[in-house]
N, C-alpha and C. Protein backbone atom coordinates (compact mmCIF):
# COMPACT_ATOMS: atom_id res chain seq x y z
N MET A 1 19.74 -8.07 40.80
CA MET A 1 19.47 -9.15 39.87
C MET A 1 20.08 -10.42 40.45
N THR A 2 19.33 -11.50 40.51
CA THR A 2 19.82 -12.74 41.08
C THR A 2 20.73 -13.45 40.10
N SER A 3 21.50 -14.41 40.65
CA SER A 3 22.40 -15.19 39.80
C SER A 3 21.61 -15.93 38.74
N LYS A 4 20.44 -16.44 39.14
CA LYS A 4 19.63 -17.19 38.20
C LYS A 4 19.16 -16.30 37.05
N SER A 5 18.72 -15.07 37.39
CA SER A 5 18.24 -14.19 36.33
C SER A 5 19.38 -13.71 35.44
N VAL A 6 20.58 -13.52 36.02
CA VAL A 6 21.74 -13.15 35.21
C VAL A 6 22.08 -14.30 34.27
N SER A 7 22.07 -15.53 34.80
CA SER A 7 22.35 -16.70 33.96
C SER A 7 21.33 -16.80 32.84
N THR A 8 20.07 -16.59 33.18
CA THR A 8 19.02 -16.65 32.18
C THR A 8 19.22 -15.58 31.12
N ALA A 9 19.58 -14.37 31.54
CA ALA A 9 19.81 -13.27 30.59
C ALA A 9 20.98 -13.59 29.67
N VAL A 10 22.06 -14.11 30.23
CA VAL A 10 23.23 -14.45 29.43
C VAL A 10 22.88 -15.55 28.43
N LEU A 11 22.21 -16.58 28.91
CA LEU A 11 21.84 -17.67 28.02
C LEU A 11 20.88 -17.18 26.94
N SER A 12 19.96 -16.31 27.31
CA SER A 12 19.02 -15.76 26.32
C SER A 12 19.76 -14.98 25.25
N ALA A 13 20.71 -14.13 25.67
CA ALA A 13 21.49 -13.34 24.71
C ALA A 13 22.26 -14.25 23.77
N VAL A 14 22.86 -15.28 24.32
CA VAL A 14 23.63 -16.22 23.49
C VAL A 14 22.71 -16.93 22.51
N MET A 15 21.54 -17.34 23.01
CA MET A 15 20.61 -18.03 22.12
C MET A 15 20.10 -17.10 21.02
N ILE A 16 19.81 -15.84 21.37
CA ILE A 16 19.34 -14.89 20.35
C ILE A 16 20.42 -14.66 19.30
N LEU A 17 21.67 -14.47 19.77
CA LEU A 17 22.76 -14.30 18.81
C LEU A 17 22.92 -15.53 17.92
N GLY A 18 22.81 -16.68 18.53
CA GLY A 18 22.91 -17.93 17.77
C GLY A 18 21.80 -18.06 16.77
N PHE A 19 20.59 -17.71 17.19
CA PHE A 19 19.44 -17.78 16.30
C PHE A 19 19.61 -16.82 15.13
N THR A 20 20.08 -15.60 15.42
CA THR A 20 20.30 -14.61 14.37
C THR A 20 21.32 -15.12 13.36
N GLN A 21 22.40 -15.66 13.85
CA GLN A 21 23.42 -16.22 12.95
C GLN A 21 22.85 -17.35 12.11
N CYS A 22 22.02 -18.16 12.75
CA CYS A 22 21.43 -19.31 12.06
C CYS A 22 20.50 -18.85 10.93
N VAL A 23 19.72 -17.83 11.22
CA VAL A 23 18.80 -17.31 10.21
C VAL A 23 19.57 -16.69 9.05
N GLN A 24 20.67 -15.97 9.36
CA GLN A 24 21.45 -15.31 8.31
C GLN A 24 22.23 -16.32 7.47
N GLN A 25 22.64 -17.42 8.06
CA GLN A 25 23.42 -18.43 7.35
C GLN A 25 22.63 -19.74 7.36
N THR A 26 21.63 -19.83 6.55
CA THR A 26 20.72 -20.98 6.57
C THR A 26 21.40 -22.30 6.24
N ASN A 27 22.55 -22.26 5.60
CA ASN A 27 23.22 -23.52 5.27
C ASN A 27 24.10 -24.02 6.42
N VAL A 28 24.22 -23.26 7.55
CA VAL A 28 25.01 -23.68 8.70
C VAL A 28 24.07 -24.29 9.73
N PRO A 29 24.37 -25.49 10.23
CA PRO A 29 23.51 -26.09 11.25
C PRO A 29 23.39 -25.17 12.48
N GLN A 30 22.22 -25.24 13.17
CA GLN A 30 21.93 -24.33 14.28
C GLN A 30 22.98 -24.45 15.39
N GLN A 31 23.39 -25.62 15.79
CA GLN A 31 24.35 -25.80 16.86
C GLN A 31 25.68 -25.13 16.50
N GLN A 32 26.14 -25.28 15.31
CA GLN A 32 27.39 -24.67 14.87
C GLN A 32 27.26 -23.15 14.83
N ALA A 33 26.12 -22.63 14.41
CA ALA A 33 25.91 -21.19 14.34
C ALA A 33 25.98 -20.57 15.74
N THR A 34 25.42 -21.23 16.73
CA THR A 34 25.47 -20.73 18.11
C THR A 34 26.92 -20.66 18.59
N ALA A 35 27.69 -21.68 18.33
CA ALA A 35 29.09 -21.69 18.73
C ALA A 35 29.86 -20.57 18.04
N VAL A 36 29.56 -20.30 16.80
CA VAL A 36 30.22 -19.23 16.07
C VAL A 36 29.86 -17.89 16.70
N ALA A 37 28.60 -17.69 17.00
CA ALA A 37 28.15 -16.42 17.58
C ALA A 37 28.80 -16.19 18.94
N VAL A 38 28.86 -17.21 19.76
CA VAL A 38 29.45 -17.07 21.09
C VAL A 38 30.95 -16.83 20.97
N SER A 39 31.62 -17.51 20.08
CA SER A 39 33.06 -17.33 19.97
C SER A 39 33.43 -15.95 19.45
N GLY A 40 32.51 -15.26 18.82
CA GLY A 40 32.77 -13.91 18.32
C GLY A 40 32.65 -12.85 19.40
N LEU A 41 32.09 -13.20 20.54
CA LEU A 41 31.92 -12.25 21.63
C LEU A 41 33.21 -12.13 22.44
N LYS A 42 33.50 -10.93 22.89
CA LYS A 42 34.63 -10.72 23.78
C LYS A 42 34.04 -10.69 25.20
N LEU A 43 34.30 -11.75 25.96
CA LEU A 43 33.72 -11.93 27.28
C LEU A 43 34.77 -11.83 28.39
N ALA A 44 34.31 -11.44 29.56
CA ALA A 44 35.16 -11.45 30.75
C ALA A 44 34.25 -11.61 31.96
N TYR A 45 34.85 -11.97 33.08
CA TYR A 45 34.05 -12.06 34.30
C TYR A 45 34.83 -11.49 35.47
N VAL A 46 34.06 -11.14 36.51
CA VAL A 46 34.62 -10.60 37.74
C VAL A 46 34.13 -11.46 38.90
N ASP A 47 35.04 -11.86 39.76
CA ASP A 47 34.69 -12.58 40.98
C ASP A 47 34.37 -11.53 42.04
N VAL A 48 33.08 -11.24 42.20
CA VAL A 48 32.64 -10.15 43.07
C VAL A 48 33.03 -10.41 44.53
N ASP A 49 32.94 -11.65 44.98
CA ASP A 49 33.32 -11.96 46.36
C ASP A 49 34.79 -11.62 46.61
N SER A 50 35.65 -12.02 45.71
CA SER A 50 37.07 -11.72 45.81
C SER A 50 37.31 -10.22 45.71
N LEU A 51 36.59 -9.58 44.80
CA LEU A 51 36.72 -8.14 44.60
C LEU A 51 36.40 -7.41 45.91
N LEU A 52 35.27 -7.73 46.52
CA LEU A 52 34.86 -7.05 47.75
C LEU A 52 35.81 -7.36 48.91
N ALA A 53 36.25 -8.59 48.99
CA ALA A 53 37.15 -8.98 50.08
C ALA A 53 38.46 -8.20 50.04
N ASN A 54 38.84 -7.71 48.87
CA ASN A 54 40.13 -7.03 48.73
C ASN A 54 40.02 -5.55 48.35
N TYR A 55 38.81 -5.05 48.23
CA TYR A 55 38.59 -3.65 47.87
C TYR A 55 38.73 -2.79 49.13
N LEU A 56 39.68 -1.90 49.13
CA LEU A 56 40.01 -1.10 50.32
C LEU A 56 38.83 -0.27 50.82
N PHE A 57 38.09 0.33 49.90
CA PHE A 57 36.93 1.13 50.30
C PHE A 57 35.90 0.27 51.02
N TYR A 58 35.64 -0.92 50.48
CA TYR A 58 34.69 -1.83 51.09
C TYR A 58 35.18 -2.25 52.48
N GLN A 59 36.46 -2.56 52.59
CA GLN A 59 37.03 -2.94 53.89
C GLN A 59 36.87 -1.82 54.90
N ASP A 60 37.11 -0.58 54.47
CA ASP A 60 36.95 0.57 55.37
C ASP A 60 35.49 0.73 55.80
N LEU A 61 34.56 0.54 54.87
CA LEU A 61 33.14 0.64 55.22
C LEU A 61 32.74 -0.45 56.22
N VAL A 62 33.21 -1.66 56.00
CA VAL A 62 32.90 -2.76 56.91
C VAL A 62 33.46 -2.46 58.30
N GLU A 63 34.69 -1.96 58.34
CA GLU A 63 35.31 -1.61 59.62
C GLU A 63 34.52 -0.50 60.33
N GLU A 64 34.12 0.51 59.58
CA GLU A 64 33.34 1.61 60.15
C GLU A 64 32.00 1.12 60.67
N MET A 65 31.33 0.26 59.90
CA MET A 65 30.03 -0.27 60.34
C MET A 65 30.20 -1.17 61.57
N THR A 66 31.25 -1.93 61.62
CA THR A 66 31.51 -2.79 62.78
C THR A 66 31.75 -1.94 64.02
N ARG A 67 32.52 -0.89 63.86
CA ARG A 67 32.80 0.02 64.98
C ARG A 67 31.51 0.70 65.45
N LYS A 68 30.70 1.13 64.50
CA LYS A 68 29.44 1.79 64.83
C LYS A 68 28.50 0.82 65.56
N GLU A 69 28.42 -0.40 65.06
CA GLU A 69 27.56 -1.41 65.68
C GLU A 69 28.02 -1.69 67.12
N GLU A 70 29.32 -1.78 67.31
CA GLU A 70 29.86 -2.03 68.65
C GLU A 70 29.55 -0.86 69.58
N ASN A 71 29.66 0.37 69.07
CA ASN A 71 29.32 1.55 69.89
C ASN A 71 27.85 1.54 70.28
N TYR A 72 26.98 1.19 69.32
CA TYR A 72 25.55 1.08 69.63
C TYR A 72 25.33 0.04 70.73
N ARG A 73 25.96 -1.11 70.56
CA ARG A 73 25.78 -2.20 71.50
C ARG A 73 26.26 -1.80 72.90
N LEU A 74 27.42 -1.15 72.96
CA LEU A 74 27.95 -0.71 74.25
C LEU A 74 27.03 0.31 74.92
N ALA A 75 26.55 1.27 74.14
CA ALA A 75 25.65 2.29 74.69
C ALA A 75 24.37 1.66 75.24
N LEU A 76 23.79 0.74 74.48
CA LEU A 76 22.57 0.08 74.93
C LEU A 76 22.82 -0.80 76.14
N THR A 77 23.94 -1.49 76.16
CA THR A 77 24.27 -2.34 77.30
C THR A 77 24.43 -1.50 78.56
N GLU A 78 25.09 -0.37 78.43
CA GLU A 78 25.28 0.52 79.57
C GLU A 78 23.93 1.01 80.09
N GLU A 79 23.05 1.43 79.19
CA GLU A 79 21.73 1.90 79.61
C GLU A 79 20.92 0.77 80.24
N TYR A 80 20.99 -0.41 79.64
CA TYR A 80 20.25 -1.55 80.19
C TYR A 80 20.78 -1.92 81.57
N ASN A 81 22.09 -1.90 81.75
CA ASN A 81 22.67 -2.23 83.07
C ASN A 81 22.23 -1.24 84.14
N LYS A 82 22.19 0.05 83.78
CA LYS A 82 21.72 1.07 84.73
C LYS A 82 20.26 0.81 85.09
N LEU A 83 19.46 0.51 84.08
CA LEU A 83 18.05 0.21 84.33
C LEU A 83 17.90 -1.02 85.21
N GLN A 84 18.68 -2.05 84.94
CA GLN A 84 18.59 -3.28 85.73
C GLN A 84 18.92 -3.00 87.19
N LYS A 85 19.90 -2.13 87.43
CA LYS A 85 20.25 -1.75 88.80
C LYS A 85 19.07 -1.02 89.46
N GLU A 86 18.45 -0.11 88.72
CA GLU A 86 17.29 0.60 89.25
C GLU A 86 16.14 -0.36 89.56
N ILE A 87 15.93 -1.34 88.68
CA ILE A 87 14.86 -2.34 88.91
C ILE A 87 15.17 -3.14 90.16
N ASN A 88 16.42 -3.57 90.32
CA ASN A 88 16.81 -4.33 91.52
C ASN A 88 16.60 -3.49 92.78
N ASP A 89 17.00 -2.21 92.73
CA ASP A 89 16.80 -1.31 93.87
C ASP A 89 15.31 -1.16 94.17
N PHE A 90 14.51 -1.01 93.13
CA PHE A 90 13.06 -0.88 93.30
C PHE A 90 12.49 -2.12 93.98
N GLN A 91 12.90 -3.30 93.52
CA GLN A 91 12.39 -4.54 94.10
C GLN A 91 12.76 -4.66 95.58
N LYS A 92 13.98 -4.28 95.94
CA LYS A 92 14.40 -4.32 97.34
C LYS A 92 13.56 -3.36 98.18
N LYS A 93 13.30 -2.17 97.63
CA LYS A 93 12.50 -1.18 98.35
C LYS A 93 11.07 -1.70 98.55
N VAL A 94 10.51 -2.36 97.54
CA VAL A 94 9.16 -2.92 97.67
C VAL A 94 9.16 -4.00 98.74
N GLU A 95 10.15 -4.88 98.74
CA GLU A 95 10.25 -5.96 99.72
C GLU A 95 10.40 -5.42 101.15
N ASN A 96 11.09 -4.29 101.27
CA ASN A 96 11.33 -3.69 102.60
C ASN A 96 10.30 -2.62 102.96
N ASN A 97 9.23 -2.51 102.17
CA ASN A 97 8.16 -1.53 102.42
C ASN A 97 8.69 -0.12 102.61
N VAL A 98 9.59 0.30 101.75
CA VAL A 98 10.19 1.63 101.84
C VAL A 98 9.23 2.70 101.32
N TYR A 99 8.40 2.35 100.34
CA TYR A 99 7.49 3.34 99.76
C TYR A 99 6.37 3.66 100.73
N SER A 100 6.03 4.94 100.80
CA SER A 100 5.01 5.40 101.74
C SER A 100 3.60 4.97 101.35
N SER A 101 3.41 4.70 100.07
CA SER A 101 2.08 4.26 99.62
C SER A 101 2.22 3.36 98.41
N ALA A 102 1.16 2.63 98.13
CA ALA A 102 1.13 1.76 96.94
C ALA A 102 1.18 2.59 95.67
N GLU A 103 0.57 3.79 95.74
CA GLU A 103 0.58 4.68 94.58
C GLU A 103 2.01 5.12 94.24
N ARG A 104 2.78 5.40 95.29
CA ARG A 104 4.17 5.81 95.09
C ARG A 104 4.98 4.68 94.46
N ALA A 105 4.79 3.46 94.92
CA ALA A 105 5.48 2.29 94.37
C ALA A 105 5.04 2.06 92.92
N GLU A 106 3.74 2.22 92.65
CA GLU A 106 3.23 2.04 91.29
C GLU A 106 3.79 3.12 90.36
N SER A 107 3.92 4.32 90.85
CA SER A 107 4.48 5.42 90.06
C SER A 107 5.93 5.10 89.68
N GLU A 108 6.69 4.58 90.64
CA GLU A 108 8.09 4.21 90.37
C GLU A 108 8.17 3.05 89.37
N ARG A 109 7.29 2.07 89.54
CA ARG A 109 7.26 0.93 88.62
C ARG A 109 6.92 1.41 87.20
N SER A 110 5.98 2.31 87.09
CA SER A 110 5.59 2.88 85.81
C SER A 110 6.75 3.64 85.16
N ARG A 111 7.47 4.41 85.97
CA ARG A 111 8.64 5.15 85.46
C ARG A 111 9.69 4.19 84.91
N LEU A 112 9.95 3.11 85.63
CA LEU A 112 10.94 2.12 85.19
C LEU A 112 10.48 1.41 83.91
N LEU A 113 9.19 1.14 83.83
CA LEU A 113 8.66 0.50 82.64
C LEU A 113 8.81 1.41 81.42
N LYS A 114 8.53 2.70 81.58
CA LYS A 114 8.70 3.66 80.49
C LYS A 114 10.17 3.76 80.08
N LYS A 115 11.05 3.72 81.07
CA LYS A 115 12.48 3.77 80.78
C LYS A 115 12.90 2.53 79.97
N GLN A 116 12.38 1.38 80.33
CA GLN A 116 12.68 0.15 79.61
C GLN A 116 12.16 0.23 78.18
N GLN A 117 10.96 0.75 78.00
CA GLN A 117 10.39 0.89 76.67
C GLN A 117 11.20 1.87 75.82
N ALA A 118 11.71 2.93 76.46
CA ALA A 118 12.54 3.90 75.74
C ALA A 118 13.84 3.24 75.26
N ILE A 119 14.43 2.40 76.09
CA ILE A 119 15.67 1.69 75.70
C ILE A 119 15.37 0.73 74.55
N GLU A 120 14.25 0.02 74.63
CA GLU A 120 13.87 -0.90 73.55
C GLU A 120 13.62 -0.14 72.25
N GLU A 121 12.99 1.04 72.35
CA GLU A 121 12.76 1.87 71.16
C GLU A 121 14.08 2.36 70.58
N LYS A 122 14.99 2.75 71.46
CA LYS A 122 16.31 3.19 71.00
C LYS A 122 17.02 2.05 70.29
N SER A 123 16.88 0.84 70.80
CA SER A 123 17.49 -0.34 70.17
C SER A 123 16.90 -0.56 68.78
N ARG A 124 15.58 -0.42 68.65
CA ARG A 124 14.94 -0.57 67.33
C ARG A 124 15.43 0.53 66.38
N GLN A 125 15.55 1.74 66.89
CA GLN A 125 16.03 2.86 66.07
C GLN A 125 17.46 2.61 65.59
N TYR A 126 18.32 2.16 66.51
CA TYR A 126 19.70 1.84 66.15
C TYR A 126 19.71 0.78 65.05
N SER A 127 18.89 -0.24 65.22
CA SER A 127 18.84 -1.33 64.24
C SER A 127 18.40 -0.81 62.88
N LEU A 128 17.35 -0.01 62.87
CA LEU A 128 16.84 0.55 61.63
C LEU A 128 17.88 1.45 60.97
N GLU A 129 18.50 2.29 61.77
CA GLU A 129 19.56 3.19 61.27
C GLU A 129 20.70 2.38 60.67
N PHE A 130 21.10 1.35 61.39
CA PHE A 130 22.21 0.49 60.96
C PHE A 130 21.86 -0.22 59.65
N ASP A 131 20.64 -0.77 59.58
CA ASP A 131 20.21 -1.46 58.36
C ASP A 131 20.15 -0.50 57.17
N ASN A 132 19.61 0.70 57.40
CA ASN A 132 19.51 1.70 56.32
C ASN A 132 20.90 2.12 55.84
N GLU A 133 21.81 2.31 56.78
CA GLU A 133 23.17 2.69 56.40
C GLU A 133 23.85 1.56 55.63
N GLY A 134 23.63 0.32 56.06
CA GLY A 134 24.20 -0.83 55.35
C GLY A 134 23.67 -0.93 53.93
N ALA A 135 22.37 -0.71 53.76
CA ALA A 135 21.77 -0.74 52.42
C ALA A 135 22.33 0.38 51.55
N ALA A 136 22.47 1.57 52.14
CA ALA A 136 23.03 2.71 51.39
C ALA A 136 24.47 2.43 50.98
N ASN A 137 25.23 1.82 51.89
CA ASN A 137 26.63 1.48 51.58
C ASN A 137 26.70 0.44 50.46
N SER A 138 25.83 -0.55 50.52
CA SER A 138 25.81 -1.59 49.47
C SER A 138 25.50 -0.97 48.11
N GLU A 139 24.53 -0.07 48.11
CA GLU A 139 24.16 0.61 46.87
C GLU A 139 25.33 1.47 46.35
N LYS A 140 26.00 2.15 47.27
CA LYS A 140 27.13 2.99 46.89
C LYS A 140 28.27 2.15 46.30
N ILE A 141 28.59 1.04 46.96
CA ILE A 141 29.64 0.14 46.45
C ILE A 141 29.26 -0.37 45.07
N SER A 142 28.03 -0.82 44.92
CA SER A 142 27.57 -1.34 43.64
C SER A 142 27.69 -0.30 42.55
N GLU A 143 27.29 0.93 42.86
CA GLU A 143 27.36 2.02 41.88
C GLU A 143 28.81 2.32 41.50
N ILE A 144 29.70 2.36 42.48
CA ILE A 144 31.12 2.64 42.20
C ILE A 144 31.71 1.55 41.31
N VAL A 145 31.45 0.29 41.66
CA VAL A 145 31.99 -0.83 40.88
C VAL A 145 31.41 -0.82 39.48
N ASP A 146 30.10 -0.65 39.37
CA ASP A 146 29.46 -0.62 38.04
C ASP A 146 30.04 0.50 37.18
N ASN A 147 30.16 1.69 37.76
CA ASN A 147 30.70 2.83 37.00
C ASN A 147 32.15 2.59 36.60
N TYR A 148 32.93 2.01 37.51
CA TYR A 148 34.33 1.73 37.17
C TYR A 148 34.41 0.73 36.02
N ILE A 149 33.60 -0.31 36.09
CA ILE A 149 33.63 -1.33 35.03
C ILE A 149 33.23 -0.73 33.69
N LYS A 150 32.26 0.18 33.69
CA LYS A 150 31.85 0.84 32.44
C LYS A 150 33.02 1.66 31.88
N GLU A 151 33.70 2.40 32.74
CA GLU A 151 34.86 3.18 32.29
C GLU A 151 35.98 2.26 31.81
N TYR A 152 36.25 1.22 32.57
CA TYR A 152 37.28 0.24 32.22
C TYR A 152 36.99 -0.34 30.83
N ASN A 153 35.73 -0.65 30.59
CA ASN A 153 35.37 -1.31 29.34
C ASN A 153 35.48 -0.39 28.13
N LYS A 154 35.47 0.93 28.35
CA LYS A 154 35.62 1.86 27.22
C LYS A 154 36.94 1.65 26.50
N THR A 155 37.96 1.23 27.25
CA THR A 155 39.27 1.01 26.63
C THR A 155 39.57 -0.47 26.38
N HIS A 156 38.70 -1.37 26.86
CA HIS A 156 38.96 -2.79 26.69
C HIS A 156 37.98 -3.49 25.74
N GLY A 157 36.86 -2.85 25.48
CA GLY A 157 35.93 -3.32 24.46
C GLY A 157 35.29 -4.68 24.64
N TYR A 158 34.95 -5.05 25.85
CA TYR A 158 34.26 -6.33 26.05
C TYR A 158 32.80 -6.20 25.61
N ASP A 159 32.28 -7.30 25.06
CA ASP A 159 30.86 -7.33 24.71
C ASP A 159 30.03 -7.62 25.96
N MET A 160 30.65 -8.33 26.90
CA MET A 160 29.93 -8.70 28.10
C MET A 160 30.91 -8.94 29.23
N ILE A 161 30.65 -8.34 30.39
CA ILE A 161 31.40 -8.61 31.62
C ILE A 161 30.36 -9.09 32.62
N ILE A 162 30.54 -10.30 33.12
CA ILE A 162 29.54 -10.88 34.02
C ILE A 162 30.18 -11.26 35.35
N SER A 163 29.32 -11.57 36.29
CA SER A 163 29.76 -11.98 37.61
C SER A 163 30.07 -13.47 37.62
N LYS A 164 31.13 -13.85 38.28
CA LYS A 164 31.50 -15.26 38.38
C LYS A 164 30.41 -16.06 39.09
N ALA A 165 29.66 -15.41 39.96
CA ALA A 165 28.61 -16.09 40.72
C ALA A 165 27.59 -16.75 39.80
N SER A 166 27.43 -16.23 38.60
CA SER A 166 26.44 -16.78 37.68
C SER A 166 27.03 -17.83 36.74
N LEU A 167 28.28 -18.16 36.92
CA LEU A 167 28.95 -19.10 36.01
C LEU A 167 29.08 -20.48 36.63
N LEU A 168 28.94 -21.47 35.81
CA LEU A 168 29.24 -22.83 36.24
C LEU A 168 30.70 -23.16 35.93
N PHE A 169 31.18 -22.63 34.83
CA PHE A 169 32.58 -22.81 34.44
C PHE A 169 32.99 -21.66 33.55
N ALA A 170 34.23 -21.24 33.71
CA ALA A 170 34.80 -20.23 32.82
C ALA A 170 36.31 -20.39 32.81
N ASN A 171 36.89 -20.14 31.67
CA ASN A 171 38.33 -20.17 31.54
C ASN A 171 38.91 -19.05 32.40
N GLU A 172 39.90 -19.36 33.20
CA GLU A 172 40.51 -18.38 34.10
C GLU A 172 41.09 -17.19 33.34
N ALA A 173 41.41 -17.37 32.08
CA ALA A 173 41.94 -16.27 31.27
C ALA A 173 40.91 -15.15 31.09
N LEU A 174 39.64 -15.46 31.30
CA LEU A 174 38.58 -14.46 31.17
C LEU A 174 38.38 -13.65 32.46
N ASN A 175 39.09 -14.02 33.51
CA ASN A 175 38.94 -13.38 34.82
C ASN A 175 39.69 -12.04 34.84
N ILE A 176 38.95 -10.95 34.98
CA ILE A 176 39.57 -9.61 35.03
C ILE A 176 39.45 -8.99 36.43
N THR A 177 39.17 -9.81 37.42
CA THR A 177 38.97 -9.32 38.78
C THR A 177 40.16 -8.51 39.27
N ALA A 178 41.37 -9.03 39.07
CA ALA A 178 42.57 -8.34 39.58
C ALA A 178 42.72 -6.96 38.94
N GLU A 179 42.46 -6.85 37.65
CA GLU A 179 42.57 -5.56 36.97
C GLU A 179 41.55 -4.56 37.51
N ILE A 180 40.33 -5.03 37.70
CA ILE A 180 39.27 -4.16 38.23
C ILE A 180 39.61 -3.75 39.65
N LEU A 181 40.05 -4.70 40.46
CA LEU A 181 40.42 -4.42 41.85
C LEU A 181 41.56 -3.41 41.93
N ASP A 182 42.58 -3.61 41.12
CA ASP A 182 43.71 -2.67 41.12
C ASP A 182 43.24 -1.26 40.78
N GLY A 183 42.38 -1.14 39.79
CA GLY A 183 41.87 0.17 39.39
C GLY A 183 41.01 0.81 40.47
N LEU A 184 40.12 0.02 41.07
CA LEU A 184 39.26 0.55 42.14
C LEU A 184 40.09 1.01 43.33
N ASN A 185 41.07 0.19 43.73
CA ASN A 185 41.91 0.56 44.87
C ASN A 185 42.76 1.78 44.57
N ALA A 186 43.26 1.89 43.35
CA ALA A 186 44.05 3.06 42.96
C ALA A 186 43.19 4.32 43.02
N ASP A 187 41.95 4.22 42.51
CA ASP A 187 41.04 5.37 42.58
C ASP A 187 40.74 5.76 44.02
N TYR A 188 40.50 4.77 44.85
CA TYR A 188 40.17 5.03 46.26
C TYR A 188 41.34 5.68 46.98
N LYS A 189 42.54 5.17 46.74
CA LYS A 189 43.72 5.74 47.38
C LYS A 189 43.95 7.19 46.93
N SER A 190 43.74 7.44 45.64
CA SER A 190 43.97 8.81 45.14
C SER A 190 42.93 9.78 45.69
N GLU A 191 41.71 9.31 45.92
CA GLU A 191 40.66 10.17 46.49
C GLU A 191 40.90 10.47 47.96
N ASN A 192 41.63 9.60 48.65
CA ASN A 192 41.81 9.73 50.11
C ASN A 192 43.19 10.20 50.50
N LYS A 193 43.88 10.87 49.61
CA LYS A 193 45.21 11.40 49.93
C LYS A 193 45.08 12.72 50.62
């Protein structure tokens, strides 16, 4: 859900609550009824950027993905360097007329071309694998955070917990990021003992 759609949803909910209050209390002006409805809500927000930057599980995933990406890059670079050496050797042999026939030289050129295509395919596969793993990790993080917030809210009773990204302004007292982060990190540490 985008920040704009979250903002729209929040504003819509506030307007609906305000409208309901206005209809129930016809002697209260509409603007005042909306303020009353909003003030009755127990709201909080989470700074997701800050949460992720300090969430140990997320940091471990980022580190693992960075290490994996570097390993892919090193493996591909090594293969490409070997191929480049073979291509250079092939070119020298062609220049020095080492091949007994044009067919033999063409066969070698074809073999090198297939090897290059295989490396390029491996690179695409690595990229696809890496992207899929990144998407799966993002989904996993989102699910963990969402589930934790739902559990957290069972004992805190908020009517709405929203992302700071969708806010233009909010009182810092409504920020529960540190509490959520502490709980997530405690859960992660206990699972990894």
